[in-house]
């Protein structure tokens, strides 16, 4: 090729790729006159101000030919760093598959159903701030998912916002989770253990009426009992019961008691602990129609404490939806999919989870704060 043809063309308007001579012929690189050509070092850079560098490159021609590589001008812009790498004799990075396996770039692009232009555009793409942030988020999501595999993408986003101060859209977290194959645990079926009273001594109206919002602390409490199982085999299964009272303002367990029997004393002990921890509280106290809550003795306790009793309607578990939701969260995140062989192991897991729920589990409905943080904010207001 006549070097004079390129005397007025700046080398900054081109990029250089390493391919074999046979590959270049197959791809038919063309001169501005439409003629196919191959070029070696002394015809790549012919601008007058680059003559000295061209001479240095010519000295490397023999070494390059021994590698079976020829350098070809392409109509893509080189960055200053890429030009320096080329002048320093560093092999380009866009032919790794070819150099290792001698695959044709054109054939690889056809297999991938992309154009060569798209491939080289991707290859030359500079990593952006968003790309770096996505990598950072992906690493943090992996760490959170390893510790809390139950979390979905929304809760993962809340955790990032609360702990790391990273504010991004839910959809972005979802895209990253899909790319990293981060998935929440499956939700298992929930079996309740509340037994309705056959002969209730007292039935209260549904005063709460599914209004689960509370403007202040100790305005609305909800309660229920749930069942857990532990043991080493089907022949040695034991049951454990957990009674909890929740405050609907900060979603914080006001009190909880673990027992071996689902009886009135379990509920009475939970109520007594709640009153002890919150002296002077006079909330609406809502429950289902379990036999413990419809007893005359429990109703008298509420009256003595100055509380208003409220009960769900028969066969309407959603009337106590806030409490049922808490059971679903607790069992899905610490109970389902796990085996507990001893009572001590199960009690420790329940206690540790409730502590985590109060102090380290931010909730979007609380402004991405934990129940304890929201509780302290209310007290400070």
Protein backbone atom coordinates (compact mmCIF):
# COMPACT_ATOMS: atom_id res chain seq x y z
CA UNK A 1 0.00 0.00 0.00
CA UNK A 2 1.23 3.52 -0.82
CA UNK A 3 1.97 5.22 2.48
CA UNK A 4 1.26 8.58 0.95
CA UNK A 5 -2.40 7.69 0.80
CA UNK A 6 -2.52 8.10 4.57
CA UNK A 7 -0.23 11.11 4.98
CA UNK A 8 -3.08 13.43 5.99
CA UNK A 9 -4.87 11.00 8.31
CA UNK A 10 -4.35 11.36 12.05
CA UNK A 11 -3.59 8.11 13.84
CA UNK A 12 -5.86 9.19 16.71
CA UNK A 13 -8.78 8.36 14.43
CA UNK A 14 -7.89 4.68 14.35
CA UNK A 15 -7.46 1.75 16.70
CA UNK A 16 -5.28 -1.27 16.17
CA UNK A 17 -6.14 -4.95 16.47
CA UNK A 18 -3.96 -8.02 16.38
CA UNK A 19 -5.04 -10.77 13.99
CA UNK A 20 -3.40 -13.30 11.72
CA UNK A 21 -2.73 -12.48 8.11
CA UNK A 22 -5.17 -15.17 7.02
CA UNK A 23 -7.85 -13.67 9.26
CA UNK A 24 -7.22 -10.22 7.80
CA UNK A 25 -7.59 -11.55 4.29
CA UNK A 26 -10.80 -13.31 5.23
CA UNK A 27 -12.26 -10.12 6.70
CA UNK A 28 -11.01 -8.06 3.69
CA UNK A 29 -9.90 -4.85 5.34
CA UNK A 30 -10.10 -2.07 2.77
CA UNK A 31 -8.11 1.03 1.93
CA UNK A 32 -9.93 4.33 1.31
CA UNK A 33 -9.75 3.36 -2.38
CA UNK A 34 -11.65 0.14 -1.71
CA UNK A 35 -8.62 -2.15 -2.08
CA UNK A 36 -7.92 -4.91 0.45
CA UNK A 37 -4.68 -4.48 2.33
CA UNK A 38 -2.47 -5.63 5.16
CA UNK A 39 -0.12 -3.22 6.81
CA UNK A 40 2.99 -3.66 8.87
CA UNK A 41 4.64 -1.36 11.37
CA UNK A 42 6.21 1.12 8.94
CA UNK A 43 2.87 1.87 7.23
CA UNK A 44 0.63 2.08 10.31
CA UNK A 45 1.93 5.37 11.64
CA UNK A 46 3.08 7.66 8.88
CA UNK A 47 2.11 11.08 10.23
CA UNK A 48 5.28 13.27 10.17
CA UNK A 49 5.21 13.94 13.90
CA UNK A 50 5.15 10.18 14.59
CA UNK A 51 8.01 9.14 12.32
CA UNK A 52 10.37 8.49 15.24
CA UNK A 53 7.84 6.25 16.95
CA UNK A 54 7.18 4.49 13.65
CA UNK A 55 10.87 3.63 13.40
CA UNK A 56 10.77 2.10 16.89
CA UNK A 57 7.77 0.05 15.89
CA UNK A 58 9.52 -1.16 12.74
CA UNK A 59 12.24 -2.62 14.95
CA UNK A 60 9.60 -4.85 16.54
CA UNK A 61 8.31 -6.10 13.20
CA UNK A 62 10.44 -9.23 13.19
CA UNK A 63 9.34 -10.13 16.70
CA UNK A 64 5.70 -9.63 15.77
CA UNK A 65 6.01 -11.73 12.64
CA UNK A 66 7.52 -14.55 14.70
CA UNK A 67 4.31 -14.45 16.77
CA UNK A 68 2.25 -14.78 13.58
CA UNK A 69 0.62 -11.41 14.15
CA UNK A 70 0.11 -8.48 11.83
CA UNK A 71 -1.27 -5.13 12.94
CA UNK A 72 -4.23 -3.73 11.07
CA UNK A 73 -5.74 -0.26 11.15
CA UNK A 74 -9.46 -0.15 12.05
CA UNK A 75 -11.79 2.81 11.82
CA UNK A 76 -12.28 3.25 15.58
CA UNK A 77 -10.83 5.94 17.83
CA UNK A 78 -7.93 5.12 20.12
CA UNK A 79 -7.64 6.61 23.57
CA UNK A 80 -4.23 8.06 24.48
CA UNK A 81 -3.66 5.12 26.83
CA UNK A 82 -4.47 2.58 24.11
CA UNK A 83 -2.13 4.35 21.65
CA UNK A 84 0.69 4.28 24.20
CA UNK A 85 0.08 0.57 24.83
CA UNK A 86 0.27 -0.06 21.09
CA UNK A 87 3.48 1.93 20.73
CA UNK A 88 4.94 0.02 23.70
CA UNK A 89 4.33 -3.23 21.85
CA UNK A 90 1.65 -4.56 24.21
CA UNK A 91 -0.65 -7.06 22.47
CA UNK A 92 -4.27 -5.89 22.18
CA UNK A 93 -6.88 -7.47 24.47
CA UNK A 94 -9.66 -7.89 21.94
CA UNK A 95 -8.24 -11.08 20.45
CA UNK A 96 -7.86 -13.26 23.51
CA UNK A 97 -10.02 -16.07 22.19
CA UNK A 98 -8.25 -15.93 18.84
CA UNK A 99 -4.77 -15.88 20.33
CA UNK A 100 -5.59 -18.78 22.67
CA UNK A 101 -7.71 -20.94 20.36
CA UNK A 102 -7.23 -19.25 16.96
CA UNK A 103 -10.98 -18.67 16.69
CA UNK A 104 -12.27 -16.20 14.16
CA UNK A 105 -13.71 -13.05 15.73
CA UNK A 106 -16.19 -12.84 12.90
CA UNK A 107 -17.32 -16.43 13.52
CA UNK A 108 -17.60 -15.86 17.27
CA UNK A 109 -19.76 -12.80 16.67
CA UNK A 110 -22.00 -14.80 14.36
CA UNK A 111 -22.42 -17.49 17.01
CA UNK A 112 -23.25 -14.83 19.59
CA UNK A 113 -25.60 -13.12 17.13
CA UNK A 114 -23.92 -9.75 17.51
CA UNK A 115 -22.13 -7.47 15.09
CA UNK A 116 -18.40 -6.94 15.19
CA UNK A 117 -19.03 -3.24 15.72
CA UNK A 118 -21.07 -4.01 18.86
CA UNK A 119 -18.34 -6.34 20.11
CA UNK A 120 -15.59 -3.75 19.71
CA UNK A 121 -17.77 -1.04 21.21
CA UNK A 122 -18.25 -3.23 24.27
CA UNK A 123 -14.54 -4.06 24.35
CA UNK A 124 -13.50 -0.41 24.33
CA UNK A 125 -16.17 0.62 26.81
CA UNK A 126 -14.84 2.47 29.83
CA UNK A 127 -16.21 1.41 33.22
CA UNK A 128 -18.58 4.07 34.55
CA UNK A 129 -19.37 5.13 38.10
CA UNK A 130 -22.64 3.19 37.86
CA UNK A 131 -20.77 0.04 36.88
CA UNK A 132 -18.49 0.39 39.89
CA UNK A 133 -21.47 1.00 42.18
CA UNK A 134 -23.24 -2.07 40.80
CA UNK A 135 -20.18 -4.19 41.56
CA UNK A 136 -20.03 -2.78 45.08
CA UNK A 137 -23.74 -3.42 45.63
CA UNK A 138 -23.45 -6.95 44.24
CA UNK A 139 -20.74 -7.80 46.75
CA UNK A 140 -22.73 -6.40 49.65
CA UNK A 141 -25.89 -8.21 48.52
CA UNK A 142 -23.98 -11.49 48.42
CA UNK A 143 -22.79 -10.94 52.00
CA UNK A 144 -26.28 -10.01 53.28
CA UNK A 145 -27.88 -12.93 51.44
CA UNK A 146 -25.38 -15.35 52.96
CA UNK A 147 -26.33 -14.16 56.45
CA UNK A 148 -30.07 -13.74 55.75
CA UNK A 149 -31.11 -16.01 52.85
CA UNK A 150 -34.77 -15.27 53.57
CA UNK A 151 -34.54 -11.67 52.36
CA UNK A 152 -36.12 -10.67 49.06
CA UNK A 153 -34.90 -7.80 46.91
CA UNK A 154 -37.01 -5.16 48.69
CA UNK A 155 -35.71 -6.09 52.13
CA UNK A 156 -32.19 -6.32 50.75
CA UNK A 157 -32.60 -2.76 49.49
CA UNK A 158 -33.88 -1.66 52.90
CA UNK A 159 -30.88 -3.30 54.57
CA UNK A 160 -28.47 -1.50 52.22
CA UNK A 161 -30.20 1.81 52.83
CA UNK A 162 -30.23 1.34 56.59
CA UNK A 163 -26.75 -0.09 57.13
CA UNK A 164 -24.70 1.30 54.24
CA UNK A 165 -26.57 4.50 53.38
CA UNK A 166 -26.92 3.38 49.73
CA UNK A 167 -30.12 4.77 48.21
CA UNK A 168 -31.06 3.04 44.95
CA UNK A 169 -34.27 1.91 43.27
CA UNK A 170 -35.84 -1.48 44.03
CA UNK A 171 -35.67 -2.39 40.34
CA UNK A 172 -31.91 -1.91 40.32
CA UNK A 173 -31.54 -4.29 43.26
CA UNK A 174 -33.82 -6.76 41.47
CA UNK A 175 -31.68 -6.64 38.31
CA UNK A 176 -28.49 -7.22 40.30
CA UNK A 177 -30.11 -10.07 42.28
CA UNK A 178 -31.18 -11.77 39.06
CA UNK A 179 -27.71 -11.40 37.57
CA UNK A 180 -26.08 -12.79 40.74
CA UNK A 181 -28.84 -15.43 41.12
CA UNK A 182 -29.75 -14.22 44.59
CA UNK A 183 -33.16 -15.60 45.57
CA UNK A 184 -35.14 -15.55 48.77
CA UNK A 185 -36.13 -18.74 50.56
CA UNK A 186 -39.49 -20.17 49.60
CA UNK A 187 -42.40 -19.33 51.84
CA UNK A 188 -43.78 -22.36 53.60
CA UNK A 189 -47.32 -23.08 54.69
CA UNK A 190 -48.31 -21.68 58.08
CA UNK A 191 -50.34 -23.79 60.52
CA UNK A 192 -51.94 -21.96 63.43
CA UNK A 193 -52.41 -23.52 66.84
CA UNK A 194 -55.13 -21.31 68.36
CA UNK A 195 -58.08 -23.34 69.62
CA UNK A 196 -61.42 -21.57 69.75
CA UNK A 197 -63.29 -21.87 73.01
CA UNK A 198 -66.31 -24.17 72.93
CA UNK A 199 -67.99 -22.28 75.76
CA UNK A 200 -66.50 -18.77 75.85
CA UNK A 201 -67.09 -16.82 79.03
CA UNK A 202 -66.64 -13.47 77.34
CA UNK A 203 -66.71 -12.31 73.70
CA UNK A 204 -65.58 -8.78 72.86
CA UNK A 205 -66.47 -6.73 69.81
CA UNK A 206 -63.98 -6.25 66.99
CA UNK A 207 -63.08 -2.71 68.04
CA UNK A 208 -59.77 -2.71 66.19
CA UNK A 209 -61.63 -3.45 62.94
CA UNK A 210 -58.40 -4.13 60.97
CA UNK A 211 -57.05 -0.63 61.61
CA UNK A 212 -53.45 -1.64 62.22
CA UNK A 213 -52.07 1.90 62.26
CA UNK A 214 -51.24 3.50 65.61
CA UNK A 215 -50.28 7.15 66.08
CA UNK A 216 -48.42 6.60 69.32
CA UNK A 217 -46.90 4.01 71.60
CA UNK A 218 -49.14 1.81 73.75
CA UNK A 219 -52.27 2.76 71.78
CA UNK A 220 -52.92 -0.62 70.14
CA UNK A 221 -51.60 -4.04 71.15
CA UNK A 222 -52.19 -7.33 69.34
CA UNK A 223 -51.40 -10.81 70.63
CA UNK A 224 -51.46 -14.49 69.75
CA UNK A 225 -49.81 -17.86 70.45
CA UNK A 226 -47.94 -20.01 67.95
CA UNK A 227 -46.48 -23.49 67.98
CA UNK A 228 -43.01 -24.91 67.23
CA UNK A 229 -41.75 -28.49 67.06
CA UNK A 230 -38.39 -30.03 67.88
CA UNK A 231 -36.95 -33.52 68.22
CA UNK A 232 -34.63 -36.11 66.69
CA UNK A 233 -37.20 -38.30 64.91
CA UNK A 234 -40.91 -38.62 64.20
CA UNK A 235 -41.25 -40.81 67.27
CA UNK A 236 -39.74 -38.15 69.52
CA UNK A 237 -41.42 -34.87 68.51
CA UNK A 238 -42.01 -32.26 71.19
CA UNK A 239 -43.90 -28.98 71.03
CA UNK A 240 -42.99 -25.51 72.21
CA UNK A 241 -45.30 -22.49 72.37
CA UNK A 242 -44.54 -18.80 71.99
CA UNK A 243 -46.88 -16.05 73.20
CA UNK A 244 -46.18 -12.51 71.99
CA UNK A 245 -47.76 -9.07 72.40
CA UNK A 246 -46.94 -6.52 69.66
CA UNK A 247 -47.28 -2.74 69.72
CA UNK A 248 -48.74 -1.62 66.38
CA UNK A 249 -46.94 1.72 66.53
CA UNK A 250 -43.34 0.53 66.39
CA UNK A 251 -44.02 -3.17 65.63
CA UNK A 252 -41.94 -4.05 68.66
CA UNK A 253 -42.72 -7.11 70.79
CA UNK A 254 -43.84 -5.57 74.07
CA UNK A 255 -43.44 -8.94 75.79
CA UNK A 256 -43.01 -12.60 74.91
CA UNK A 257 -42.98 -15.85 76.88
CA UNK A 258 -41.93 -19.35 75.77
CA UNK A 259 -43.67 -22.34 77.33
CA UNK A 260 -44.18 -26.07 76.96
CA UNK A 261 -47.98 -25.89 77.20
CA UNK A 262 -50.57 -23.85 75.31
CA UNK A 263 -52.60 -22.91 78.35
CA UNK A 264 -54.00 -19.86 80.10
CA UNK A 265 -50.94 -19.42 82.28
CA UNK A 266 -48.75 -18.84 79.19
CA UNK A 267 -51.00 -15.96 78.10
CA UNK A 268 -51.33 -14.59 81.64
CA UNK A 269 -47.54 -14.54 82.08
CA UNK A 270 -47.09 -12.70 78.78
CA UNK A 271 -49.71 -10.11 79.75
CA UNK A 272 -48.21 -9.61 83.22
CA UNK A 273 -44.76 -9.03 81.69
CA UNK A 274 -46.18 -6.49 79.21
CA UNK A 275 -47.88 -4.54 82.01
CA UNK A 276 -44.69 -4.65 84.10
CA UNK A 277 -42.58 -3.32 81.19
CA UNK A 278 -45.11 -0.60 80.31
CA UNK A 279 -46.72 0.77 83.50
CA UNK A 280 -49.61 3.11 82.86
CA UNK A 281 -50.34 1.76 79.36
CA UNK A 282 -54.04 1.62 78.40
CA UNK A 283 -54.17 0.30 74.83
CA UNK A 284 -56.81 -1.46 72.79
CA UNK A 285 -55.90 -5.11 73.35
CA UNK A 286 -56.78 -7.26 70.34
CA UNK A 287 -56.67 -11.05 70.04
CA UNK A 288 -58.46 -13.91 68.32
CA UNK A 289 -61.12 -16.01 70.07
CA UNK A 290 -58.73 -18.51 71.57
CA UNK A 291 -59.90 -20.13 74.78
CA UNK A 292 -57.29 -18.24 76.84
CA UNK A 293 -58.54 -14.80 75.71
CA UNK A 294 -62.26 -15.55 76.12
CA UNK A 295 -61.87 -16.60 79.75
CA UNK A 296 -63.43 -14.44 82.41
CA UNK A 297 -60.13 -14.31 84.33
CA UNK A 298 -58.27 -12.77 81.40
CA UNK A 299 -61.03 -10.25 80.76
CA UNK A 300 -60.79 -9.18 84.39
CA UNK A 301 -57.04 -8.65 84.01
CA UNK A 302 -57.70 -6.26 81.11
CA UNK A 303 -60.32 -4.38 83.09
CA UNK A 304 -57.99 -4.03 86.07
CA UNK A 305 -55.24 -2.67 83.79
CA UNK A 306 -57.62 -0.15 82.21
CA UNK A 307 -57.41 -1.71 78.73
CA UNK A 308 -60.13 -2.13 76.10
CA UNK A 309 -60.55 -5.68 74.84
CA UNK A 310 -61.07 -6.37 71.13
CA UNK A 311 -61.49 -9.73 69.38
CA UNK A 312 -61.43 -11.01 65.84
CA UNK A 313 -64.63 -12.33 64.36
CA UNK A 314 -65.04 -16.09 64.11
CA UNK A 315 -63.19 -17.59 61.12
CA UNK A 316 -61.64 -14.20 60.19
CA UNK A 317 -57.91 -14.61 60.82
CA UNK A 318 -57.17 -11.42 58.87
CA UNK A 319 -58.84 -9.43 61.65
CA UNK A 320 -55.59 -10.10 63.50
CA UNK A 321 -53.49 -9.75 60.33
CA UNK A 322 -50.64 -7.80 61.95
CA UNK A 323 -49.99 -10.63 64.39
CA UNK A 324 -50.35 -13.31 61.72
CA UNK A 325 -47.86 -11.39 59.58
CA UNK A 326 -45.35 -11.39 62.43
CA UNK A 327 -45.66 -15.17 62.78
CA UNK A 328 -45.11 -15.58 59.05
CA UNK A 329 -41.96 -13.44 59.13
CA UNK A 330 -40.54 -15.16 62.21
CA UNK A 331 -41.15 -18.72 61.02
CA UNK A 332 -40.05 -18.12 57.47
CA UNK A 333 -36.78 -16.52 58.56
CA UNK A 334 -35.71 -18.72 61.47
CA UNK A 335 -37.85 -21.88 61.63
CA UNK A 336 -38.98 -23.30 58.29
CA UNK A 337 -36.37 -25.35 56.49
CA UNK A 338 -34.37 -25.97 59.68
CA UNK A 339 -34.25 -28.84 62.16
CA UNK A 340 -34.08 -28.26 65.90
CA UNK A 341 -33.19 -31.34 67.93
CA UNK A 342 -33.34 -29.99 71.47
CA UNK A 343 -35.50 -27.55 73.42
CA UNK A 344 -32.50 -25.42 74.33
CA UNK A 345 -31.50 -25.09 70.67
CA UNK A 346 -34.99 -23.95 69.66
CA UNK A 347 -35.38 -21.53 72.58
CA UNK A 348 -32.00 -19.97 71.78
CA UNK A 349 -32.98 -19.56 68.10
CA UNK A 350 -36.30 -17.88 68.99
CA UNK A 351 -34.68 -15.55 71.51
CA UNK A 352 -31.88 -14.60 69.12
CA UNK A 353 -34.32 -13.92 66.28
CA UNK A 354 -36.60 -11.68 68.34
CA UNK A 355 -33.54 -9.73 69.47
CA UNK A 356 -32.48 -9.41 65.81
CA UNK A 357 -36.02 -8.41 64.78
CA UNK A 358 -36.11 -5.59 67.34
CA UNK A 359 -32.57 -4.24 66.93
CA UNK A 360 -31.29 -5.10 63.46
CA UNK A 361 -34.19 -5.66 61.04
CA UNK A 362 -35.20 -2.38 59.34
CA UNK A 363 -38.76 -2.15 58.06
CA UNK A 364 -39.93 0.00 55.19
CA UNK A 365 -43.22 0.81 56.92
CA UNK A 366 -41.14 2.34 59.73
CA UNK A 367 -39.14 4.55 57.38
CA UNK A 368 -36.38 1.94 56.96
CA UNK A 369 -35.71 1.92 60.70
CA UNK A 370 -35.59 -0.97 63.13
CA UNK A 371 -38.42 -1.23 65.70
CA UNK A 372 -36.04 -0.12 68.45
CA UNK A 373 -34.81 2.90 66.46
CA UNK A 374 -38.38 3.90 65.66
CA UNK A 375 -39.36 3.44 69.32
CA UNK A 376 -36.53 5.72 70.44
CA UNK A 377 -37.45 8.34 67.82
CA UNK A 378 -41.04 8.39 69.09
CA UNK A 379 -39.87 8.81 72.68
CA UNK A 380 -37.52 11.65 71.69
CA UNK A 381 -40.23 13.52 69.74
